[in-house]
Amino acid sequence: MRLAAFTIFVSATATFIAVALAIILGFWIISKQRGFERQVLLGAQALNATPPTVVGIFFYYLCTQFDTLKGLLFTPAGMIIGQIILGLPIAYYLFAQLLSTSIDKVYDLGICTVDGERRFQRTILLGTVLLDIRALIVPTSFIVFGRLVGEVGAILIIGGGIHGKTDTLATSIVMQTHMGDIESALVSGIVLLAIVVMTRFIVLGFERRKSF
């Protein structure tokens, strides 16, 4: 039970932060830096395939080189940051397309103007766009969560898979398999699969696809 709760906590927290950053970054780039939009989108698409172990080893290296970061190694905070790094390109790629379509729709409706630079107009634009895509935020975020919850490379390197502290269902499966405890590994795998399936059903239950 603890293991499942901790796994959900780490991945859900990373997903929430990654999605929030992706929406803010995407809105800023698409609404103010249109000429730069395509390049960033292509970069995010390319980074979607970043191997988790690469993120893990680079983060580990940075933590060993800078004293201010050393405290993040083998901690839940470090694991969350590692998953944010993995999830941000995925979240940006998914939400940038939604934001771009919605922003164009707002401009076409005349609610805001393309050249509008006043702060209150940009606030209105952001609020209107979020209102438009609200029904898609949760199901789209689930795609990011599904990618992160079963990830093992980065969190194993960063967190170390310490029993009772930084182990997740995914890292436990690896450790249990290495120790020859296949039955326990299978149980952990079933629980992890159940989390993904149950979360998806919850999302479907709350999903309401509405737009203005």
Protein backbone atom coordinates (compact mmCIF):
# COMPACT_ATOMS: atom_id res chain seq x y z
CA MET A 1 0.00 0.00 0.00
CA ARG A 2 2.79 2.42 0.94
CA LEU A 3 4.68 1.55 -2.20
CA ALA A 4 1.66 2.20 -4.43
CA ALA A 5 0.86 5.48 -2.68
CA PHE A 6 4.45 6.68 -2.96
CA THR A 7 4.59 5.74 -6.65
CA ILE A 8 1.42 7.70 -7.36
CA PHE A 9 2.65 10.66 -5.29
CA VAL A 10 5.97 10.98 -7.15
CA SER A 11 4.53 10.60 -10.66
CA ALA A 12 1.39 12.67 -10.01
CA THR A 13 3.41 15.52 -8.52
CA ALA A 14 5.85 15.47 -11.43
CA THR A 15 2.97 15.34 -13.90
CA PHE A 16 1.18 18.31 -12.31
CA ILE A 17 4.31 20.48 -12.34
CA ALA A 18 5.34 19.41 -15.86
CA VAL A 19 1.86 20.14 -17.23
CA ALA A 20 1.69 23.54 -15.49
CA LEU A 21 5.12 24.50 -16.87
CA ALA A 22 4.20 23.23 -20.34
CA ILE A 23 0.99 25.29 -20.43
CA ILE A 24 2.72 28.46 -19.22
CA LEU A 25 5.67 28.03 -21.58
CA GLY A 26 3.46 27.03 -24.49
CA PHE A 27 1.11 29.97 -23.99
CA TRP A 28 4.01 32.44 -23.83
CA ILE A 29 5.75 31.08 -26.94
CA ILE A 30 2.61 30.67 -29.06
CA SER A 31 1.07 34.03 -28.14
CA LYS A 32 4.26 36.11 -28.29
CA GLN A 33 6.92 34.21 -30.23
CA ARG A 34 5.06 32.75 -33.20
CA GLY A 35 8.19 32.56 -35.35
CA PHE A 36 9.86 30.39 -32.72
CA GLU A 37 6.87 28.14 -32.16
CA ARG A 38 7.60 25.42 -34.71
CA GLN A 39 11.24 25.01 -33.70
CA VAL A 40 10.32 24.55 -30.03
CA LEU A 41 7.58 22.08 -30.95
CA LEU A 42 9.98 20.02 -33.06
CA GLY A 43 12.53 20.09 -30.26
CA ALA A 44 9.94 18.89 -27.75
CA GLN A 45 8.88 16.13 -30.12
CA ALA A 46 12.47 14.97 -30.46
CA LEU A 47 13.00 15.03 -26.70
CA ASN A 48 9.93 12.82 -26.18
CA ALA A 49 12.17 9.87 -26.91
CA THR A 50 14.86 10.86 -24.40
CA PRO A 51 16.02 7.69 -22.59
CA PRO A 52 15.19 7.95 -18.87
CA THR A 53 18.63 6.57 -17.98
CA VAL A 54 20.25 9.50 -19.81
CA VAL A 55 18.23 11.98 -17.75
CA GLY A 56 19.11 10.04 -14.62
CA ILE A 57 22.86 9.95 -15.20
CA PHE A 58 23.07 13.63 -16.22
CA PHE A 59 21.09 14.67 -13.16
CA TYR A 60 23.25 12.43 -10.98
CA TYR A 61 26.38 13.99 -12.46
CA LEU A 62 25.14 17.53 -11.84
CA CYS A 63 24.27 16.66 -8.24
CA THR A 64 27.79 15.35 -7.64
CA GLN A 65 29.39 18.46 -9.14
CA PHE A 66 27.40 21.15 -7.33
CA ASP A 67 27.12 21.22 -3.55
CA THR A 68 23.72 22.91 -3.70
CA LEU A 69 22.31 19.92 -5.61
CA LYS A 70 23.90 17.08 -3.66
CA GLY A 71 21.03 17.02 -1.22
CA LEU A 72 18.65 15.97 -4.01
CA LEU A 73 20.30 12.60 -4.57
CA PHE A 74 18.44 9.61 -3.10
CA THR A 75 15.44 11.75 -2.15
CA PRO A 76 11.82 11.91 -3.36
CA ALA A 77 12.41 15.55 -4.39
CA GLY A 78 15.23 14.52 -6.71
CA MET A 79 13.08 11.76 -8.20
CA ILE A 80 10.26 14.22 -8.86
CA ILE A 81 12.63 16.66 -10.56
CA GLY A 82 13.98 13.85 -12.74
CA GLN A 83 10.46 12.93 -13.82
CA ILE A 84 9.59 16.58 -14.47
CA ILE A 85 12.54 16.74 -16.87
CA LEU A 86 11.21 13.64 -18.62
CA GLY A 87 7.60 14.78 -18.64
CA LEU A 88 8.01 18.41 -19.71
CA PRO A 89 8.80 17.76 -23.41
CA ILE A 90 5.90 15.30 -23.62
CA ALA A 91 3.51 17.72 -21.92
CA TYR A 92 4.68 20.63 -24.07
CA TYR A 93 4.23 18.71 -27.31
CA LEU A 94 0.72 17.62 -26.34
CA PHE A 95 -0.50 20.94 -24.96
CA ALA A 96 1.18 23.21 -27.51
CA GLN A 97 -1.08 21.84 -30.21
CA LEU A 98 -4.17 22.38 -28.07
CA LEU A 99 -3.06 25.89 -27.09
CA SER A 100 -2.24 26.88 -30.66
CA THR A 101 -5.66 25.81 -31.94
CA SER A 102 -7.44 27.52 -29.06
CA ILE A 103 -5.48 30.79 -29.34
CA ASP A 104 -6.26 30.97 -33.07
CA LYS A 105 -9.92 30.39 -32.24
CA VAL A 106 -9.91 33.24 -29.71
CA TYR A 107 -8.31 35.58 -32.23
CA ASP A 108 -10.84 34.58 -34.90
CA LEU A 109 -13.71 35.32 -32.48
CA GLY A 110 -12.25 38.75 -31.80
CA ILE A 111 -12.11 38.23 -28.03
CA CYS A 112 -8.48 39.36 -28.11
CA THR A 113 -6.26 40.74 -30.84
CA VAL A 114 -3.00 39.33 -32.11
CA ASP A 115 -1.19 42.60 -31.44
CA GLY A 116 -2.62 43.09 -27.97
CA GLU A 117 0.20 43.61 -25.48
CA ARG A 118 -1.62 44.93 -22.43
CA ARG A 119 -1.39 42.73 -19.39
CA PHE A 120 -5.14 42.52 -18.78
CA GLN A 121 -5.73 41.46 -22.41
CA ARG A 122 -3.15 38.69 -22.12
CA THR A 123 -4.77 37.60 -18.87
CA ILE A 124 -8.14 37.45 -20.63
CA LEU A 125 -6.55 35.48 -23.47
CA LEU A 126 -5.01 32.95 -21.07
CA GLY A 127 -8.24 32.57 -19.09
CA THR A 128 -10.29 32.11 -22.25
CA VAL A 129 -7.87 29.54 -23.65
CA LEU A 130 -7.84 27.55 -20.40
CA LEU A 131 -11.63 27.64 -20.35
CA ASP A 132 -11.69 26.34 -23.91
CA ILE A 133 -9.33 23.41 -23.33
CA ARG A 134 -10.48 22.62 -19.77
CA ALA A 135 -12.13 19.35 -20.79
CA LEU A 136 -8.87 18.14 -22.34
CA ILE A 137 -6.46 19.09 -19.57
CA VAL A 138 -7.06 16.04 -17.36
CA PRO A 139 -7.11 13.36 -20.09
CA THR A 140 -4.06 14.90 -21.76
CA SER A 141 -2.26 15.05 -18.42
CA PHE A 142 -3.00 11.36 -17.98
CA ILE A 143 -0.89 10.62 -21.05
CA VAL A 144 2.05 12.25 -19.28
CA PHE A 145 1.26 10.44 -16.01
CA GLY A 146 1.07 7.11 -17.83
CA ARG A 147 4.50 7.74 -19.31
CA LEU A 148 6.02 8.60 -15.94
CA VAL A 149 4.39 6.16 -13.53
CA GLY A 150 6.10 3.12 -15.02
CA GLU A 151 9.44 4.84 -15.64
CA VAL A 152 12.35 3.19 -13.88
CA GLY A 153 15.66 4.40 -15.36
CA ALA A 154 15.82 7.96 -14.05
CA ILE A 155 14.25 7.38 -10.65
CA LEU A 156 16.39 4.32 -9.97
CA ILE A 157 19.59 6.25 -10.69
CA ILE A 158 18.49 9.39 -8.84
CA GLY A 159 16.59 7.76 -6.00
CA GLY A 160 18.65 4.62 -5.64
CA GLY A 161 15.62 2.42 -5.00
CA ILE A 162 16.20 2.57 -1.23
CA HIS A 163 13.71 0.31 0.52
CA GLY A 164 11.16 2.26 2.50
CA LYS A 165 12.46 5.62 1.26
CA THR A 166 12.83 5.97 -2.50
CA ASP A 167 11.60 2.67 -3.90
CA THR A 168 8.60 2.71 -6.25
CA LEU A 169 6.63 -0.12 -7.81
CA ALA A 170 8.77 0.10 -10.96
CA THR A 171 12.09 0.05 -9.13
CA SER A 172 10.84 -2.72 -6.85
CA ILE A 173 10.04 -4.87 -9.88
CA VAL A 174 13.64 -4.48 -11.05
CA MET A 175 15.12 -5.19 -7.63
CA GLN A 176 12.84 -8.16 -6.95
CA THR A 177 13.59 -9.66 -10.35
CA HIS A 178 17.34 -9.31 -9.79
CA MET A 179 17.00 -11.07 -6.45
CA GLY A 180 15.03 -13.90 -8.05
CA ASP A 181 11.79 -13.03 -6.27
CA ILE A 182 9.66 -13.35 -9.38
CA GLU A 183 6.38 -13.78 -7.50
CA SER A 184 6.78 -10.46 -5.68
CA ALA A 185 7.84 -8.79 -8.91
CA LEU A 186 4.68 -10.06 -10.60
CA VAL A 187 2.52 -8.74 -7.76
CA SER A 188 4.19 -5.32 -8.03
CA GLY A 189 3.64 -5.39 -11.78
CA ILE A 190 -0.05 -6.19 -11.36
CA VAL A 191 -0.48 -3.37 -8.84
CA LEU A 192 1.29 -0.93 -11.18
CA LEU A 193 -0.92 -1.99 -14.07
CA ALA A 194 -3.99 -1.64 -11.86
CA ILE A 195 -3.00 1.93 -10.98
CA VAL A 196 -2.77 2.89 -14.64
CA VAL A 197 -6.09 1.23 -15.53
CA MET A 198 -7.96 2.60 -12.51
CA THR A 199 -6.63 6.10 -13.12
CA ARG A 200 -7.80 5.93 -16.70
CA PHE A 201 -11.31 4.93 -15.61
CA ILE A 202 -11.37 7.80 -13.12
CA VAL A 203 -10.35 10.21 -15.87
CA LEU A 204 -13.08 8.89 -18.16
CA GLY A 205 -15.61 9.32 -15.37
CA PHE A 206 -14.79 13.01 -14.94
CA GLU A 207 -14.09 13.80 -18.58
CA ARG A 208 -16.51 16.26 -20.13
CA ARG A 209 -15.50 17.39 -23.58
CA LYS A 210 -16.90 20.89 -23.78
CA SER A 211 -15.57 23.96 -25.53
CA PHE A 212 -17.01 27.32 -26.38
